[in-house]
Amino acid sequence: MAKKVSLTVNGSRFNIELDDAFANFLTKQMQADFNTEGNNDAKTLLYAYVRRNSELFKHEEEAQKLLTKLEEKA
């Protein structure tokens, strides 16, 4: 089942349909990063993008460290 998620950036409303489980997760994340009831400027969008990619980078580093440890033990 699909669920609609919406965000306004620079006065333009963007609506996307996502799987329910991912839509619920994304909605919570967006509420932490954006004004989900009003307008967001490009700067807000850029900062959120950089913040999330920083988190992804850290997770990738941690995963690689764990993989290296597992390979060393094998």
PDB file of N, CA and C in Angstrom:
ATOM      1  N   MET A   1       0.838  -1.175   0.000  1.00  0.00           N
ATOM      2  CA  MET A   1       0.000   0.000   0.000  1.00  0.00           C
ATOM      3  C   MET A   1       0.885   1.242   0.000  1.00  0.00           C
ATOM      4  N   ALA A   2       0.484   2.260  -0.724  1.00  0.00           N
ATOM      5  CA  ALA A   2       1.263   3.485  -0.848  1.00  0.00           C
ATOM      6  C   ALA A   2       0.703   4.589   0.052  1.00  0.00           C
ATOM      7  N   LYS A   3       1.605   5.445   0.490  1.00  0.00           N
ATOM      8  CA  LYS A   3       1.241   6.582   1.326  1.00  0.00           C
ATOM      9  C   LYS A   3       1.912   7.816   0.729  1.00  0.00           C
ATOM     10  N   LYS A   4       1.215   8.942   0.727  1.00  0.00           N
ATOM     11  CA  LYS A   4       1.763  10.177   0.172  1.00  0.00           C
ATOM     12  C   LYS A   4       2.536  10.941   1.245  1.00  0.00           C
ATOM     13  N   VAL A   5       3.724  11.409   0.872  1.00  0.00           N
ATOM     14  CA  VAL A   5       4.551  12.260   1.722  1.00  0.00           C
ATOM     15  C   VAL A   5       4.769  13.559   0.953  1.00  0.00           C
ATOM     16  N   SER A   6       4.625  14.701   1.639  1.00  0.00           N
ATOM     17  CA  SER A   6       4.717  15.998   0.972  1.00  0.00           C
ATOM     18  C   SER A   6       5.693  16.915   1.685  1.00  0.00           C
ATOM     19  N   LEU A   7       6.317  17.790   0.888  1.00  0.00           N
ATOM     20  CA  LEU A   7       7.232  18.798   1.432  1.00  0.00           C
ATOM     21  C   LEU A   7       7.194  20.007   0.507  1.00  0.00           C
ATOM     22  N   THR A   8       7.221  21.199   1.103  1.00  0.00           N
ATOM     23  CA  THR A   8       7.250  22.433   0.328  1.00  0.00           C
ATOM     24  C   THR A   8       8.655  23.023   0.386  1.00  0.00           C
ATOM     25  N   VAL A   9       9.220  23.279  -0.812  1.00  0.00           N
ATOM     26  CA  VAL A   9      10.550  23.867  -0.921  1.00  0.00           C
ATOM     27  C   VAL A   9      10.464  25.052  -1.878  1.00  0.00           C
ATOM     28  N   ASN A  10      10.913  26.209  -1.392  1.00  0.00           N
ATOM     29  CA  ASN A  10      10.872  27.449  -2.190  1.00  0.00           C
ATOM     30  C   ASN A  10       9.499  27.695  -2.806  1.00  0.00           C
ATOM     31  N   GLY A  11       8.458  27.428  -2.039  1.00  0.00           N
ATOM     32  CA  GLY A  11       7.101  27.699  -2.483  1.00  0.00           C
ATOM     33  C   GLY A  11       6.473  26.638  -3.366  1.00  0.00           C
ATOM     34  N   SER A  12       7.234  25.598  -3.709  1.00  0.00           N
ATOM     35  CA  SER A  12       6.692  24.513  -4.537  1.00  0.00           C
ATOM     36  C   SER A  12       6.441  23.289  -3.673  1.00  0.00           C
ATOM     37  N   ARG A  13       5.248  22.745  -3.806  1.00  0.00           N
ATOM     38  CA  ARG A  13       4.863  21.563  -3.029  1.00  0.00           C
ATOM     39  C   ARG A  13       5.233  20.308  -3.815  1.00  0.00           C
ATOM     40  N   PHE A  14       5.957  19.394  -3.166  1.00  0.00           N
ATOM     41  CA  PHE A  14       6.359  18.131  -3.768  1.00  0.00           C
ATOM     42  C   PHE A  14       5.668  16.989  -3.040  1.00  0.00           C
ATOM     43  N   ASN A  15       4.980  16.139  -3.782  1.00  0.00           N
ATOM     44  CA  ASN A  15       4.274  14.986  -3.228  1.00  0.00           C
ATOM     45  C   ASN A  15       4.861  13.720  -3.837  1.00  0.00           C
ATOM     46  N   ILE A  16       5.179  12.764  -2.991  1.00  0.00           N
ATOM     47  CA  ILE A  16       5.663  11.477  -3.487  1.00  0.00           C
ATOM     48  C   ILE A  16       4.898  10.363  -2.790  1.00  0.00           C
ATOM     49  N   GLU A  17       4.684   9.277  -3.507  1.00  0.00           N
ATOM     50  CA  GLU A  17       4.012   8.115  -2.932  1.00  0.00           C
ATOM     51  C   GLU A  17       5.057   7.060  -2.641  1.00  0.00           C
ATOM     52  N   LEU A  18       5.004   6.544  -1.417  1.00  0.00           N
ATOM     53  CA  LEU A  18       5.982   5.567  -0.947  1.00  0.00           C
ATOM     54  C   LEU A  18       5.281   4.411  -0.264  1.00  0.00           C
ATOM     55  N   ASP A  19       5.975   3.311  -0.135  1.00  0.00           N
ATOM     56  CA  ASP A  19       5.506   2.182   0.647  1.00  0.00           C
ATOM     57  C   ASP A  19       5.231   2.660   2.070  1.00  0.00           C
ATOM     58  N   ASP A  20       4.185   2.144   2.685  1.00  0.00           N
ATOM     59  CA  ASP A  20       3.775   2.595   4.022  1.00  0.00           C
ATOM     60  C   ASP A  20       4.908   2.608   5.042  1.00  0.00           C
ATOM     61  N   ALA A  21       5.647   1.515   5.137  1.00  0.00           N
ATOM     62  CA  ALA A  21       6.692   1.417   6.154  1.00  0.00           C
ATOM     63  C   ALA A  21       7.758   2.485   5.944  1.00  0.00           C
ATOM     64  N   PHE A  22       8.206   2.653   4.701  1.00  0.00           N
ATOM     65  CA  PHE A  22       9.225   3.669   4.427  1.00  0.00           C
ATOM     66  C   PHE A  22       8.645   5.066   4.574  1.00  0.00           C
ATOM     67  N   ALA A  23       7.408   5.263   4.177  1.00  0.00           N
ATOM     68  CA  ALA A  23       6.770   6.574   4.306  1.00  0.00           C
ATOM     69  C   ALA A  23       6.698   7.000   5.768  1.00  0.00           C
ATOM     70  N   ASN A  24       6.370   6.084   6.651  1.00  0.00           N
ATOM     71  CA  ASN A  24       6.317   6.397   8.084  1.00  0.00           C
ATOM     72  C   ASN A  24       7.694   6.771   8.613  1.00  0.00           C
ATOM     73  N   PHE A  25       8.717   6.011   8.214  1.00  0.00           N
ATOM     74  CA  PHE A  25      10.088   6.310   8.626  1.00  0.00           C
ATOM     75  C   PHE A  25      10.519   7.668   8.089  1.00  0.00           C
ATOM     76  N   LEU A  26      10.292   7.896   6.803  1.00  0.00           N
ATOM     77  CA  LEU A  26      10.712   9.148   6.175  1.00  0.00           C
ATOM     78  C   LEU A  26       9.990  10.347   6.775  1.00  0.00           C
ATOM     79  N   THR A  27       8.723  10.201   7.077  1.00  0.00           N
ATOM     80  CA  THR A  27       7.964  11.297   7.681  1.00  0.00           C
ATOM     81  C   THR A  27       8.588  11.720   9.006  1.00  0.00           C
ATOM     82  N   LYS A  28       8.980  10.765   9.822  1.00  0.00           N
ATOM     83  CA  LYS A  28       9.630  11.092  11.101  1.00  0.00           C
ATOM     84  C   LYS A  28      10.961  11.796  10.871  1.00  0.00           C
ATOM     85  N   GLN A  29      11.731  11.320   9.900  1.00  0.00           N
ATOM     86  CA  GLN A  29      13.012  11.945   9.597  1.00  0.00           C
ATOM     87  C   GLN A  29      12.815  13.366   9.072  1.00  0.00           C
ATOM     88  N   MET A  30      11.829  13.535   8.201  1.00  0.00           N
ATOM     89  CA  MET A  30      11.565  14.860   7.634  1.00  0.00           C
ATOM     90  C   MET A  30      11.109  15.843   8.701  1.00  0.00           C
ATOM     91  N   GLN A  31      10.363  15.368   9.685  1.00  0.00           N
ATOM     92  CA  GLN A  31       9.912  16.247  10.758  1.00  0.00           C
ATOM     93  C   GLN A  31      11.090  16.756  11.578  1.00  0.00           C
ATOM     94  N   ALA A  32      12.175  15.975  11.636  1.00  0.00           N
ATOM     95  CA  ALA A  32      13.366  16.397  12.352  1.00  0.00           C
ATOM     96  C   ALA A  32      14.182  17.411  11.547  1.00  0.00           C
ATOM     97  N   ASP A  33      14.075  17.352  10.227  1.00  0.00           N
ATOM     98  CA  ASP A  33      14.914  18.181   9.364  1.00  0.00           C
ATOM     99  C   ASP A  33      14.223  19.400   8.763  1.00  0.00           C
ATOM    100  N   PHE A  34      12.905  19.343   8.619  1.00  0.00           N
ATOM    101  CA  PHE A  34      12.196  20.372   7.861  1.00  0.00           C
ATOM    102  C   PHE A  34      10.979  20.893   8.607  1.00  0.00           C
ATOM    103  N   ASN A  35      10.474  22.008   8.110  1.00  0.00           N
ATOM    104  CA  ASN A  35       9.178  22.511   8.522  1.00  0.00           C
ATOM    105  C   ASN A  35       8.166  21.789   7.629  1.00  0.00           C
ATOM    106  N   THR A  36       7.585  20.716   8.105  1.00  0.00           N
ATOM    107  CA  THR A  36       6.703  19.896   7.274  1.00  0.00           C
ATOM    108  C   THR A  36       5.326  20.533   7.072  1.00  0.00           C
ATOM    109  N   GLU A  37       5.017  21.581   7.815  1.00  0.00           N
ATOM    110  CA  GLU A  37       3.727  22.264   7.675  1.00  0.00           C
ATOM    111  C   GLU A  37       3.843  23.553   6.873  1.00  0.00           C
ATOM    112  N   GLY A  38       5.072  24.006   6.609  1.00  0.00           N
ATOM    113  CA  GLY A  38       5.253  25.273   5.902  1.00  0.00           C
ATOM    114  C   GLY A  38       6.317  25.160   4.830  1.00  0.00           C
ATOM    115  N   ASN A  39       6.869  26.286   4.469  1.00  0.00           N
ATOM    116  CA  ASN A  39       7.851  26.376   3.395  1.00  0.00           C
ATOM    117  C   ASN A  39       9.270  26.163   3.930  1.00  0.00           C
ATOM    118  N   ASN A  40      10.105  25.579   3.099  1.00  0.00           N
ATOM    119  CA  ASN A  40      11.518  25.392   3.400  1.00  0.00           C
ATOM    120  C   ASN A  40      12.323  26.021   2.275  1.00  0.00           C
ATOM    121  N   ASP A  41      13.410  26.717   2.638  1.00  0.00           N
ATOM    122  CA  ASP A  41      14.236  27.291   1.580  1.00  0.00           C
ATOM    123  C   ASP A  41      15.309  26.287   1.149  1.00  0.00           C
ATOM    124  N   ALA A  42      16.012  26.621   0.096  1.00  0.00           N
ATOM    125  CA  ALA A  42      17.029  25.722  -0.460  1.00  0.00           C
ATOM    126  C   ALA A  42      18.149  25.461   0.544  1.00  0.00           C
ATOM    127  N   LYS A  43      18.482  26.448   1.354  1.00  0.00           N
ATOM    128  CA  LYS A  43      19.537  26.302   2.353  1.00  0.00           C
ATOM    129  C   LYS A  43      19.164  25.212   3.369  1.00  0.00           C
ATOM    130  N   THR A  44      17.916  25.197   3.796  1.00  0.00           N
ATOM    131  CA  THR A  44      17.435  24.172   4.727  1.00  0.00           C
ATOM    132  C   THR A  44      17.544  22.796   4.096  1.00  0.00           C
ATOM    133  N   LEU A  45      17.166  22.701   2.836  1.00  0.00           N
ATOM    134  CA  LEU A  45      17.254  21.437   2.110  1.00  0.00           C
ATOM    135  C   LEU A  45      18.703  20.967   1.997  1.00  0.00           C
ATOM    136  N   LEU A  46      19.601  21.877   1.663  1.00  0.00           N
ATOM    137  CA  LEU A  46      21.013  21.530   1.543  1.00  0.00           C
ATOM    138  C   LEU A  46      21.578  21.066   2.875  1.00  0.00           C
ATOM    139  N   TYR A  47      21.297  21.770   3.949  1.00  0.00           N
ATOM    140  CA  TYR A  47      21.799  21.374   5.270  1.00  0.00           C
ATOM    141  C   TYR A  47      21.289  19.990   5.669  1.00  0.00           C
ATOM    142  N   ALA A  48      20.026  19.716   5.407  1.00  0.00           N
ATOM    143  CA  ALA A  48      19.471  18.399   5.733  1.00  0.00           C
ATOM    144  C   ALA A  48      20.159  17.319   4.904  1.00  0.00           C
ATOM    145  N   TYR A  49      20.401  17.593   3.641  1.00  0.00           N
ATOM    146  CA  TYR A  49      21.076  16.630   2.762  1.00  0.00           C
ATOM    147  C   TYR A  49      22.490  16.332   3.267  1.00  0.00           C
ATOM    148  N   VAL A  50      23.222  17.365   3.622  1.00  0.00           N
ATOM    149  CA  VAL A  50      24.588  17.181   4.125  1.00  0.00           C
ATOM    150  C   VAL A  50      24.570  16.426   5.448  1.00  0.00           C
ATOM    151  N   ARG A  51      23.647  16.767   6.341  1.00  0.00           N
ATOM    152  CA  ARG A  51      23.531  16.097   7.637  1.00  0.00           C
ATOM    153  C   ARG A  51      23.268  14.602   7.455  1.00  0.00           C
ATOM    154  N   ARG A  52      22.320  14.253   6.599  1.00  0.00           N
ATOM    155  CA  ARG A  52      21.969  12.841   6.380  1.00  0.00           C
ATOM    156  C   ARG A  52      23.112  12.089   5.705  1.00  0.00           C
ATOM    157  N   ASN A  53      23.816  12.733   4.797  1.00  0.00           N
ATOM    158  CA  ASN A  53      24.944  12.066   4.156  1.00  0.00           C
ATOM    159  C   ASN A  53      26.116  11.907   5.109  1.00  0.00           C
ATOM    160  N   SER A  54      26.265  12.817   6.049  1.00  0.00           N
ATOM    161  CA  SER A  54      27.278  12.660   7.084  1.00  0.00           C
ATOM    162  C   SER A  54      26.971  11.429   7.935  1.00  0.00           C
ATOM    163  N   GLU A  55      25.702  11.258   8.293  1.00  0.00           N
ATOM    164  CA  GLU A  55      25.286  10.070   9.046  1.00  0.00           C
ATOM    165  C   GLU A  55      25.535   8.802   8.234  1.00  0.00           C
ATOM    166  N   LEU A  56      25.201   8.837   6.959  1.00  0.00           N
ATOM    167  CA  LEU A  56      25.425   7.687   6.087  1.00  0.00           C
ATOM    168  C   LEU A  56      26.910   7.354   6.003  1.00  0.00           C
ATOM    169  N   PHE A  57      27.750   8.359   5.876  1.00  0.00           N
ATOM    170  CA  PHE A  57      29.192   8.172   5.822  1.00  0.00           C
ATOM    171  C   PHE A  57      29.703   7.483   7.087  1.00  0.00           C
ATOM    172  N   LYS A  58      29.236   7.958   8.239  1.00  0.00           N
ATOM    173  CA  LYS A  58      29.651   7.350   9.513  1.00  0.00           C
ATOM    174  C   LYS A  58      29.184   5.900   9.611  1.00  0.00           C
ATOM    175  N   HIS A  59      27.960   5.623   9.166  1.00  0.00           N
ATOM    176  CA  HIS A  59      27.450   4.250   9.195  1.00  0.00           C
ATOM    177  C   HIS A  59      28.254   3.348   8.264  1.00  0.00           C
ATOM    178  N   GLU A  60      28.607   3.871   7.096  1.00  0.00           N
ATOM    179  CA  GLU A  60      29.421   3.096   6.146  1.00  0.00           C
ATOM    180  C   GLU A  60      30.791   2.791   6.735  1.00  0.00           C
ATOM    181  N   GLU A  61      31.389   3.769   7.400  1.00  0.00           N
ATOM    182  CA  GLU A  61      32.687   3.547   8.049  1.00  0.00           C
ATOM    183  C   GLU A  61      32.584   2.455   9.105  1.00  0.00           C
ATOM    184  N   GLU A  62      31.548   2.530   9.937  1.00  0.00           N
ATOM    185  CA  GLU A  62      31.348   1.533  10.986  1.00  0.00           C
ATOM    186  C   GLU A  62      31.112   0.147  10.392  1.00  0.00           C
ATOM    187  N   ALA A  63      30.321   0.067   9.355  1.00  0.00           N
ATOM    188  CA  ALA A  63      30.060  -1.215   8.704  1.00  0.00           C
ATOM    189  C   ALA A  63      31.354  -1.792   8.133  1.00  0.00           C
ATOM    190  N   GLN A  64      32.177  -0.936   7.535  1.00  0.00           N
ATOM    191  CA  GLN A  64      33.446  -1.402   6.973  1.00  0.00           C
ATOM    192  C   GLN A  64      34.377  -1.900   8.067  1.00  0.00           C
ATOM    193  N   LYS A  65      34.417  -1.219   9.201  1.00  0.00           N
ATOM    194  CA  LYS A  65      35.247  -1.663  10.330  1.00  0.00           C
ATOM    195  C   LYS A  65      34.776  -3.027  10.826  1.00  0.00           C
ATOM    196  N   LEU A  66      33.462  -3.206  10.962  1.00  0.00           N
ATOM    197  CA  LEU A  66      32.924  -4.491  11.407  1.00  0.00           C
ATOM    198  C   LEU A  66      33.222  -5.595  10.404  1.00  0.00           C
ATOM    199  N   LEU A  67      33.096  -5.300   9.133  1.00  0.00           N
ATOM    200  CA  LEU A  67      33.388  -6.272   8.091  1.00  0.00           C
ATOM    201  C   LEU A  67      34.858  -6.671   8.122  1.00  0.00           C
ATOM    202  N   THR A  68      35.737  -5.712   8.308  1.00  0.00           N
ATOM    203  CA  THR A  68      37.165  -5.993   8.398  1.00  0.00           C
ATOM    204  C   THR A  68      37.463  -6.901   9.592  1.00  0.00           C
ATOM    205  N   LYS A  69      36.843  -6.618  10.735  1.00  0.00           N
ATOM    206  CA  LYS A  69      37.036  -7.451  11.935  1.00  0.00           C
ATOM    207  C   LYS A  69      36.542  -8.871  11.690  1.00  0.00           C
ATOM    208  N   LEU A  70      35.389  -9.004  11.054  1.00  0.00           N
ATOM    209  CA  LEU A  70      34.857 -10.330  10.761  1.00  0.00           C
ATOM    210  C   LEU A  70      35.755 -11.100   9.799  1.00  0.00           C
ATOM    211  N   GLU A  71      36.283 -10.418   8.809  1.00  0.00           N
ATOM    212  CA  GLU A  71      37.172 -11.070   7.842  1.00  0.00           C
ATOM    213  C   GLU A  71      38.472 -11.505   8.503  1.00  0.00           C
ATOM    214  N   GLU A  72      38.972 -10.721   9.471  1.00  0.00           N
ATOM    215  CA  GLU A  72      40.198 -11.066  10.183  1.00  0.00           C
ATOM    216  C   GLU A  72      40.008 -12.314  11.045  1.00  0.00           C
ATOM    217  N   LYS A  73      38.811 -12.493  11.586  1.00  0.00           N
ATOM    218  CA  LYS A  73      38.529 -13.637  12.454  1.00  0.00           C
ATOM    219  C   LYS A  73      38.257 -14.902  11.651  1.00  0.00           C
ATOM    220  N   ALA A  74      37.916 -14.757  10.387  1.00  0.00           N
ATOM    221  CA  ALA A  74      37.590 -15.935   9.545  1.00  0.00           C
ATOM    222  C   ALA A  74      38.823 -16.648   9.054  1.00  0.00           C
TER     223      ALA A  74
END
